[in-house]
PDB file of all heavy atoms in Angstrom:
ATOM      1  N   SER A   1       6.437  11.858 -10.213  1.00  0.00           N
ATOM      2  CA  SER A   1       6.672  12.450 -11.543  1.00  0.00           C
ATOM      3  C   SER A   1       7.142  11.428 -12.578  1.00  0.00           C
ATOM      4  O   SER A   1       6.784  11.536 -13.752  1.00  0.00           O
ATOM      5  CB  SER A   1       7.658  13.623 -11.448  1.00  0.00           C
ATOM      6  OG  SER A   1       8.885  13.194 -10.910  1.00  0.00           O
ATOM      7  N   VAL A   2       7.921  10.427 -12.178  1.00  0.00           N
ATOM      8  CA  VAL A   2       8.384   9.406 -13.128  1.00  0.00           C
ATOM      9  C   VAL A   2       7.182   8.663 -13.720  1.00  0.00           C
ATOM     10  O   VAL A   2       7.054   8.526 -14.932  1.00  0.00           O
ATOM     11  CB  VAL A   2       9.373   8.417 -12.463  1.00  0.00           C
ATOM     12  CG1 VAL A   2       9.688   7.263 -13.410  1.00  0.00           C
ATOM     13  CG2 VAL A   2      10.653   9.141 -12.069  1.00  0.00           C
ATOM     14  N   ALA A   3       6.286   8.202 -12.824  1.00  0.00           N
ATOM     15  CA  ALA A   3       5.080   7.502 -13.293  1.00  0.00           C
ATOM     16  C   ALA A   3       4.182   8.433 -14.099  1.00  0.00           C
ATOM     17  O   ALA A   3       3.523   8.009 -15.052  1.00  0.00           O
ATOM     18  CB  ALA A   3       4.316   6.927 -12.100  1.00  0.00           C
ATOM     19  N   GLY A   4       4.176   9.695 -13.726  1.00  0.00           N
ATOM     20  CA  GLY A   4       3.381  10.683 -14.466  1.00  0.00           C
ATOM     21  C   GLY A   4       3.827  10.801 -15.911  1.00  0.00           C
ATOM     22  O   GLY A   4       3.016  11.027 -16.809  1.00  0.00           O
ATOM     23  N   GLU A   5       5.119  10.646 -16.130  1.00  0.00           N
ATOM     24  CA  GLU A   5       5.664  10.713 -17.496  1.00  0.00           C
ATOM     25  C   GLU A   5       5.585   9.361 -18.210  1.00  0.00           C
ATOM     26  O   GLU A   5       5.234   9.284 -19.377  1.00  0.00           O
ATOM     27  CB  GLU A   5       7.126  11.182 -17.464  1.00  0.00           C
ATOM     28  CG  GLU A   5       7.301  12.625 -17.031  1.00  0.00           C
ATOM     29  CD  GLU A   5       6.533  13.611 -17.899  1.00  0.00           C
ATOM     30  OE1 GLU A   5       6.594  13.499 -19.147  1.00  0.00           O
ATOM     31  OE2 GLU A   5       5.846  14.483 -17.332  1.00  0.00           O
ATOM     32  N   SER A   6       5.923   8.278 -17.485  1.00  0.00           N
ATOM     33  CA  SER A   6       6.030   6.953 -18.127  1.00  0.00           C
ATOM     34  C   SER A   6       4.681   6.257 -18.308  1.00  0.00           C
ATOM     35  O   SER A   6       4.518   5.442 -19.195  1.00  0.00           O
ATOM     36  CB  SER A   6       6.936   6.036 -17.309  1.00  0.00           C
ATOM     37  OG  SER A   6       6.271   5.627 -16.113  1.00  0.00           O
ATOM     38  N   ASP A   7       3.731   6.574 -17.423  1.00  0.00           N
ATOM     39  CA  ASP A   7       2.413   5.922 -17.422  1.00  0.00           C
ATOM     40  C   ASP A   7       2.536   4.416 -17.164  1.00  0.00           C
ATOM     41  O   ASP A   7       1.745   3.621 -17.636  1.00  0.00           O
ATOM     42  CB  ASP A   7       1.688   6.184 -18.754  1.00  0.00           C
ATOM     43  CG  ASP A   7       0.184   5.937 -18.649  1.00  0.00           C
ATOM     44  OD1 ASP A   7      -0.346   5.927 -17.508  1.00  0.00           O
ATOM     45  OD2 ASP A   7      -0.463   5.744 -19.693  1.00  0.00           O
ATOM     46  N   ARG A   8       3.573   4.029 -16.400  1.00  0.00           N
ATOM     47  CA  ARG A   8       3.822   2.624 -16.105  1.00  0.00           C
ATOM     48  C   ARG A   8       3.585   2.334 -14.625  1.00  0.00           C
ATOM     49  O   ARG A   8       4.110   3.027 -13.768  1.00  0.00           O
ATOM     50  CB  ARG A   8       5.262   2.244 -16.457  1.00  0.00           C
ATOM     51  CG  ARG A   8       5.549   2.174 -17.943  1.00  0.00           C
ATOM     52  CD  ARG A   8       7.043   2.246 -18.251  1.00  0.00           C
ATOM     53  NE  ARG A   8       7.860   1.515 -17.282  1.00  0.00           N
ATOM     54  CZ  ARG A   8       8.347   0.288 -17.489  1.00  0.00           C
ATOM     55  NH1 ARG A   8       8.094  -0.347 -18.625  1.00  0.00           N
ATOM     56  NH2 ARG A   8       9.087  -0.297 -16.586  1.00  0.00           N
ATOM     57  N   LEU A   9       2.826   1.277 -14.354  1.00  0.00           N
ATOM     58  CA  LEU A   9       2.537   0.873 -12.977  1.00  0.00           C
ATOM     59  C   LEU A   9       3.819   0.582 -12.189  1.00  0.00           C
ATOM     60  O   LEU A   9       3.915   0.865 -11.006  1.00  0.00           O
ATOM     61  CB  LEU A   9       1.620  -0.362 -12.968  1.00  0.00           C
ATOM     62  CG  LEU A   9       1.118  -0.825 -11.597  1.00  0.00           C
ATOM     63  CD1 LEU A   9       0.346   0.279 -10.892  1.00  0.00           C
ATOM     64  CD2 LEU A   9       0.268  -2.066 -11.730  1.00  0.00           C
ATOM     65  N   GLU A  10       4.827   0.032 -12.882  1.00  0.00           N
ATOM     66  CA  GLU A  10       6.094  -0.315 -12.215  1.00  0.00           C
ATOM     67  C   GLU A  10       6.795   0.916 -11.634  1.00  0.00           C
ATOM     68  O   GLU A  10       7.675   0.777 -10.783  1.00  0.00           O
ATOM     69  CB  GLU A  10       7.073  -1.003 -13.186  1.00  0.00           C
ATOM     70  CG  GLU A  10       6.515  -2.208 -13.928  1.00  0.00           C
ATOM     71  CD  GLU A  10       5.744  -1.806 -15.190  1.00  0.00           C
ATOM     72  OE1 GLU A  10       6.364  -1.566 -16.245  1.00  0.00           O
ATOM     73  OE2 GLU A  10       4.500  -1.731 -15.107  1.00  0.00           O
ATOM     74  N   ASP A  11       6.447   2.098 -12.142  1.00  0.00           N
ATOM     75  CA  ASP A  11       7.113   3.320 -11.685  1.00  0.00           C
ATOM     76  C   ASP A  11       6.381   4.010 -10.536  1.00  0.00           C
ATOM     77  O   ASP A  11       6.758   5.107 -10.123  1.00  0.00           O
ATOM     78  CB  ASP A  11       7.258   4.307 -12.855  1.00  0.00           C
ATOM     79  CG  ASP A  11       8.218   3.784 -13.916  1.00  0.00           C
ATOM     80  OD1 ASP A  11       9.140   3.017 -13.558  1.00  0.00           O
ATOM     81  OD2 ASP A  11       8.043   4.135 -15.104  1.00  0.00           O
ATOM     82  N   THR A  12       5.350   3.361 -10.023  1.00  0.00           N
ATOM     83  CA  THR A  12       4.626   3.953  -8.902  1.00  0.00           C
ATOM     84  C   THR A  12       4.359   2.880  -7.850  1.00  0.00           C
ATOM     85  O   THR A  12       4.923   1.792  -7.904  1.00  0.00           O
ATOM     86  CB  THR A  12       3.323   4.655  -9.366  1.00  0.00           C
ATOM     87  OG1 THR A  12       2.786   5.403  -8.268  1.00  0.00           O
ATOM     88  CG2 THR A  12       2.293   3.675  -9.894  1.00  0.00           C
ATOM     89  N   ILE A  13       3.508   3.187  -6.904  1.00  0.00           N
ATOM     90  CA  ILE A  13       3.197   2.258  -5.820  1.00  0.00           C
ATOM     91  C   ILE A  13       1.850   1.605  -6.101  1.00  0.00           C
ATOM     92  O   ILE A  13       0.897   2.285  -6.490  1.00  0.00           O
ATOM     93  CB  ILE A  13       3.183   3.010  -4.470  1.00  0.00           C
ATOM     94  CG1 ILE A  13       4.623   3.418  -4.108  1.00  0.00           C
ATOM     95  CG2 ILE A  13       2.569   2.154  -3.365  1.00  0.00           C
ATOM     96  CD1 ILE A  13       4.743   4.357  -2.948  1.00  0.00           C
ATOM     97  N   ASN A  14       1.788   0.307  -5.923  1.00  0.00           N
ATOM     98  CA  ASN A  14       0.555  -0.433  -6.173  1.00  0.00           C
ATOM     99  C   ASN A  14      -0.420  -0.221  -5.002  1.00  0.00           C
ATOM    100  O   ASN A  14      -0.159  -0.666  -3.884  1.00  0.00           O
ATOM    101  CB  ASN A  14       0.905  -1.915  -6.339  1.00  0.00           C
ATOM    102  CG  ASN A  14      -0.294  -2.756  -6.687  1.00  0.00           C
ATOM    103  OD1 ASN A  14      -1.364  -2.607  -6.094  1.00  0.00           O
ATOM    104  ND2 ASN A  14      -0.123  -3.648  -7.633  1.00  0.00           N
ATOM    105  N   TYR A  15      -1.515   0.465  -5.262  1.00  0.00           N
ATOM    106  CA  TYR A  15      -2.491   0.808  -4.205  1.00  0.00           C
ATOM    107  C   TYR A  15      -3.086  -0.428  -3.560  1.00  0.00           C
ATOM    108  O   TYR A  15      -3.328  -0.467  -2.360  1.00  0.00           O
ATOM    109  CB  TYR A  15      -3.638   1.661  -4.761  1.00  0.00           C
ATOM    110  CG  TYR A  15      -3.223   2.868  -5.569  1.00  0.00           C
ATOM    111  CD1 TYR A  15      -4.043   3.362  -6.567  1.00  0.00           C
ATOM    112  CD2 TYR A  15      -2.010   3.513  -5.346  1.00  0.00           C
ATOM    113  CE1 TYR A  15      -3.681   4.479  -7.314  1.00  0.00           C
ATOM    114  CE2 TYR A  15      -1.638   4.628  -6.086  1.00  0.00           C
ATOM    115  CZ  TYR A  15      -2.479   5.107  -7.064  1.00  0.00           C
ATOM    116  OH  TYR A  15      -2.115   6.200  -7.798  1.00  0.00           O
ATOM    117  N   SER A  16      -3.327  -1.440  -4.384  1.00  0.00           N
ATOM    118  CA  SER A  16      -3.904  -2.687  -3.886  1.00  0.00           C
ATOM    119  C   SER A  16      -2.949  -3.366  -2.895  1.00  0.00           C
ATOM    120  O   SER A  16      -3.377  -3.884  -1.861  1.00  0.00           O
ATOM    121  CB  SER A  16      -4.206  -3.611  -5.062  1.00  0.00           C
ATOM    122  OG  SER A  16      -4.709  -4.836  -4.606  1.00  0.00           O
ATOM    123  N   ALA A  17      -1.664  -3.334  -3.207  1.00  0.00           N
ATOM    124  CA  ALA A  17      -0.658  -3.924  -2.314  1.00  0.00           C
ATOM    125  C   ALA A  17      -0.609  -3.178  -0.977  1.00  0.00           C
ATOM    126  O   ALA A  17      -0.494  -3.793   0.082  1.00  0.00           O
ATOM    127  CB  ALA A  17       0.715  -3.910  -2.983  1.00  0.00           C
ATOM    128  N   VAL A  18      -0.730  -1.860  -1.024  1.00  0.00           N
ATOM    129  CA  VAL A  18      -0.754  -1.043   0.202  1.00  0.00           C
ATOM    130  C   VAL A  18      -1.951  -1.451   1.058  1.00  0.00           C
ATOM    131  O   VAL A  18      -1.829  -1.699   2.261  1.00  0.00           O
ATOM    132  CB  VAL A  18      -0.838   0.470  -0.124  1.00  0.00           C
ATOM    133  CG1 VAL A  18      -1.103   1.293   1.132  1.00  0.00           C
ATOM    134  CG2 VAL A  18       0.447   0.944  -0.814  1.00  0.00           C
ATOM    135  N   SER A  19      -3.104  -1.555   0.424  1.00  0.00           N
ATOM    136  CA  SER A  19      -4.334  -1.918   1.120  1.00  0.00           C
ATOM    137  C   SER A  19      -4.222  -3.295   1.774  1.00  0.00           C
ATOM    138  O   SER A  19      -4.586  -3.481   2.944  1.00  0.00           O
ATOM    139  CB  SER A  19      -5.503  -1.881   0.140  1.00  0.00           C
ATOM    140  OG  SER A  19      -6.703  -2.163   0.803  1.00  0.00           O
ATOM    141  N   LYS A  20      -3.688  -4.266   1.036  1.00  0.00           N
ATOM    142  CA  LYS A  20      -3.533  -5.630   1.561  1.00  0.00           C
ATOM    143  C   LYS A  20      -2.567  -5.684   2.740  1.00  0.00           C
ATOM    144  O   LYS A  20      -2.788  -6.409   3.709  1.00  0.00           O
ATOM    145  CB  LYS A  20      -3.066  -6.582   0.456  1.00  0.00           C
ATOM    146  CG  LYS A  20      -4.172  -6.948  -0.507  1.00  0.00           C
ATOM    147  CD  LYS A  20      -3.657  -7.874  -1.610  1.00  0.00           C
ATOM    148  CE  LYS A  20      -4.779  -8.185  -2.592  1.00  0.00           C
ATOM    149  NZ  LYS A  20      -4.268  -8.441  -3.938  1.00  0.00           N
ATOM    150  N   LEU A  21      -1.490  -4.919   2.644  1.00  0.00           N
ATOM    151  CA  LEU A  21      -0.489  -4.856   3.711  1.00  0.00           C
ATOM    152  C   LEU A  21      -1.111  -4.294   4.997  1.00  0.00           C
ATOM    153  O   LEU A  21      -0.928  -4.840   6.085  1.00  0.00           O
ATOM    154  CB  LEU A  21       0.678  -3.976   3.256  1.00  0.00           C
ATOM    155  CG  LEU A  21       1.945  -3.952   4.092  1.00  0.00           C
ATOM    156  CD1 LEU A  21       2.628  -5.315   4.071  1.00  0.00           C
ATOM    157  CD2 LEU A  21       2.898  -2.884   3.579  1.00  0.00           C
ATOM    158  N   VAL A  22      -1.865  -3.203   4.838  1.00  0.00           N
ATOM    159  CA  VAL A  22      -2.537  -2.574   5.984  1.00  0.00           C
ATOM    160  C   VAL A  22      -3.563  -3.527   6.598  1.00  0.00           C
ATOM    161  O   VAL A  22      -3.608  -3.709   7.819  1.00  0.00           O
ATOM    162  CB  VAL A  22      -3.196  -1.238   5.567  1.00  0.00           C
ATOM    163  CG1 VAL A  22      -4.145  -0.719   6.635  1.00  0.00           C
ATOM    164  CG2 VAL A  22      -2.117  -0.198   5.264  1.00  0.00           C
ATOM    165  N   LEU A  23      -4.378  -4.150   5.751  1.00  0.00           N
ATOM    166  CA  LEU A  23      -5.390  -5.107   6.238  1.00  0.00           C
ATOM    167  C   LEU A  23      -4.756  -6.231   7.046  1.00  0.00           C
ATOM    168  O   LEU A  23      -5.210  -6.550   8.139  1.00  0.00           O
ATOM    169  CB  LEU A  23      -6.156  -5.711   5.063  1.00  0.00           C
ATOM    170  CG  LEU A  23      -7.349  -4.927   4.554  1.00  0.00           C
ATOM    171  CD1 LEU A  23      -7.839  -5.507   3.234  1.00  0.00           C
ATOM    172  CD2 LEU A  23      -8.473  -4.901   5.572  1.00  0.00           C
ATOM    173  N   ALA A  24      -3.693  -6.807   6.508  1.00  0.00           N
ATOM    174  CA  ALA A  24      -3.019  -7.922   7.185  1.00  0.00           C
ATOM    175  C   ALA A  24      -2.470  -7.483   8.537  1.00  0.00           C
ATOM    176  O   ALA A  24      -2.609  -8.193   9.536  1.00  0.00           O
ATOM    177  CB  ALA A  24      -1.903  -8.473   6.305  1.00  0.00           C
ATOM    178  N   LYS A  25      -1.871  -6.297   8.585  1.00  0.00           N
ATOM    179  CA  LYS A  25      -1.290  -5.783   9.834  1.00  0.00           C
ATOM    180  C   LYS A  25      -2.371  -5.544  10.883  1.00  0.00           C
ATOM    181  O   LYS A  25      -2.211  -5.924  12.044  1.00  0.00           O
ATOM    182  CB  LYS A  25      -0.515  -4.487   9.549  1.00  0.00           C
ATOM    183  CG  LYS A  25       0.197  -3.922  10.757  1.00  0.00           C
ATOM    184  CD  LYS A  25       1.354  -4.799  11.161  1.00  0.00           C
ATOM    185  CE  LYS A  25       2.166  -4.184  12.274  1.00  0.00           C
ATOM    186  NZ  LYS A  25       3.177  -5.143  12.783  1.00  0.00           N
ATOM    187  N   VAL A  26      -3.463  -4.919  10.471  1.00  0.00           N
ATOM    188  CA  VAL A  26      -4.551  -4.624  11.421  1.00  0.00           C
ATOM    189  C   VAL A  26      -5.176  -5.917  11.938  1.00  0.00           C
ATOM    190  O   VAL A  26      -5.429  -6.062  13.136  1.00  0.00           O
ATOM    191  CB  VAL A  26      -5.634  -3.727  10.783  1.00  0.00           C
ATOM    192  CG1 VAL A  26      -6.841  -3.588  11.711  1.00  0.00           C
ATOM    193  CG2 VAL A  26      -5.067  -2.342  10.464  1.00  0.00           C
ATOM    194  N   GLU A  27      -5.393  -6.871  11.043  1.00  0.00           N
ATOM    195  CA  GLU A  27      -6.047  -8.124  11.433  1.00  0.00           C
ATOM    196  C   GLU A  27      -5.232  -8.931  12.433  1.00  0.00           C
ATOM    197  O   GLU A  27      -5.786  -9.603  13.283  1.00  0.00           O
ATOM    198  CB  GLU A  27      -6.371  -8.959  10.184  1.00  0.00           C
ATOM    199  CG  GLU A  27      -7.596  -8.428   9.459  1.00  0.00           C
ATOM    200  CD  GLU A  27      -7.796  -9.039   8.073  1.00  0.00           C
ATOM    201  OE1 GLU A  27      -7.026  -9.951   7.689  1.00  0.00           O
ATOM    202  OE2 GLU A  27      -8.725  -8.587   7.376  1.00  0.00           O
ATOM    203  N   GLN A  28      -3.889  -8.862  12.336  1.00  0.00           N
ATOM    204  CA  GLN A  28      -3.069  -9.632  13.284  1.00  0.00           C
ATOM    205  C   GLN A  28      -2.599  -8.797  14.482  1.00  0.00           C
ATOM    206  O   GLN A  28      -1.992  -9.323  15.400  1.00  0.00           O
ATOM    207  CB  GLN A  28      -1.898 -10.306  12.559  1.00  0.00           C
ATOM    208  CG  GLN A  28      -0.941  -9.396  11.819  1.00  0.00           C
ATOM    209  CD  GLN A  28       0.278  -8.978  12.653  1.00  0.00           C
ATOM    210  OE1 GLN A  28       0.861  -9.768  13.356  1.00  0.00           O
ATOM    211  NE2 GLN A  28       0.650  -7.727  12.555  1.00  0.00           N
ATOM    212  N   SER A  29      -2.936  -7.514  14.451  1.00  0.00           N
ATOM    213  CA  SER A  29      -2.532  -6.637  15.553  1.00  0.00           C
ATOM    214  C   SER A  29      -3.377  -6.903  16.798  1.00  0.00           C
ATOM    215  O   SER A  29      -4.522  -7.324  16.702  1.00  0.00           O
ATOM    216  CB  SER A  29      -2.729  -5.176  15.115  1.00  0.00           C
ATOM    217  OG  SER A  29      -2.424  -4.319  16.179  1.00  0.00           O
ATOM    218  N   GLN A  30      -2.801  -6.669  17.957  1.00  0.00           N
ATOM    219  CA  GLN A  30      -3.536  -6.856  19.221  1.00  0.00           C
ATOM    220  C   GLN A  30      -3.287  -5.639  20.106  1.00  0.00           C
ATOM    221  O   GLN A  30      -3.069  -5.768  21.304  1.00  0.00           O
ATOM    222  CB  GLN A  30      -3.023  -8.118  19.934  1.00  0.00           C
ATOM    223  CG  GLN A  30      -3.164  -9.401  19.153  1.00  0.00           C
ATOM    224  CD  GLN A  30      -4.494 -10.081  19.406  1.00  0.00           C
ATOM    225  OE1 GLN A  30      -4.939 -10.216  20.542  1.00  0.00           O
ATOM    226  NE2 GLN A  30      -5.150 -10.507  18.355  1.00  0.00           N
ATOM    227  N   ARG A  31      -3.281  -4.466  19.515  1.00  0.00           N
ATOM    228  CA  ARG A  31      -2.925  -3.253  20.243  1.00  0.00           C
ATOM    229  C   ARG A  31      -4.045  -2.788  21.175  1.00  0.00           C
ATOM    230  O   ARG A  31      -5.217  -3.065  20.950  1.00  0.00           O
ATOM    231  CB  ARG A  31      -2.564  -2.137  19.266  1.00  0.00           C
ATOM    232  CG  ARG A  31      -1.264  -2.390  18.524  1.00  0.00           C
ATOM    233  CD  ARG A  31      -0.122  -2.632  19.458  1.00  0.00           C
ATOM    234  NE  ARG A  31       1.109  -2.012  18.973  1.00  0.00           N
ATOM    235  CZ  ARG A  31       2.141  -1.752  19.748  1.00  0.00           C
ATOM    236  NH1 ARG A  31       2.125  -2.062  21.022  1.00  0.00           N
ATOM    237  NH2 ARG A  31       3.230  -1.200  19.241  1.00  0.00           N
ATOM    238  N   TYR A  32      -3.647  -2.060  22.220  1.00  0.00           N
ATOM    239  CA  TYR A  32      -4.614  -1.493  23.158  1.00  0.00           C
ATOM    240  C   TYR A  32      -5.116  -0.130  22.683  1.00  0.00           C
ATOM    241  O   TYR A  32      -6.232   0.261  22.975  1.00  0.00           O
ATOM    242  CB  TYR A  32      -3.983  -1.348  24.551  1.00  0.00           C
ATOM    243  CG  TYR A  32      -3.740  -2.680  25.222  1.00  0.00           C
ATOM    244  CD1 TYR A  32      -2.476  -3.252  25.227  1.00  0.00           C
ATOM    245  CD2 TYR A  32      -4.790  -3.378  25.818  1.00  0.00           C
ATOM    246  CE1 TYR A  32      -2.261  -4.488  25.819  1.00  0.00           C
ATOM    247  CE2 TYR A  32      -4.582  -4.609  26.411  1.00  0.00           C
ATOM    248  CZ  TYR A  32      -3.321  -5.172  26.410  1.00  0.00           C
ATOM    249  OH  TYR A  32      -3.107  -6.395  26.982  1.00  0.00           O
ATOM    250  N   THR A  33      -4.266   0.599  21.947  1.00  0.00           N
ATOM    251  CA  THR A  33      -4.640   1.957  21.532  1.00  0.00           C
ATOM    252  C   THR A  33      -4.537   2.139  20.012  1.00  0.00           C
ATOM    253  O   THR A  33      -3.709   1.486  19.356  1.00  0.00           O
ATOM    254  CB  THR A  33      -3.717   3.008  22.197  1.00  0.00           C
ATOM    255  OG1 THR A  33      -2.372   2.816  21.718  1.00  0.00           O
ATOM    256  CG2 THR A  33      -3.753   2.899  23.719  1.00  0.00           C
ATOM    257  N   VAL A  34      -5.346   3.044  19.502  1.00  0.00           N
ATOM    258  CA  VAL A  34      -5.254   3.388  18.078  1.00  0.00           C
ATOM    259  C   VAL A  34      -3.929   4.109  17.816  1.00  0.00           C
ATOM    260  O   VAL A  34      -3.378   4.024  16.721  1.00  0.00           O
ATOM    261  CB  VAL A  34      -6.450   4.245  17.581  1.00  0.00           C
ATOM    262  CG1 VAL A  34      -7.708   3.406  17.498  1.00  0.00           C
ATOM    263  CG2 VAL A  34      -6.672   5.471  18.420  1.00  0.00           C
TER     264      VAL A  34
END
């Protein structure tokens, strides 16, 4: 709701950063199961 009112990226979560974090984790993971 804060970002909804302010229209500022700083008030929400950066989708690109989430994607990069997930990619990095999966690429270095060596898990046996999903």
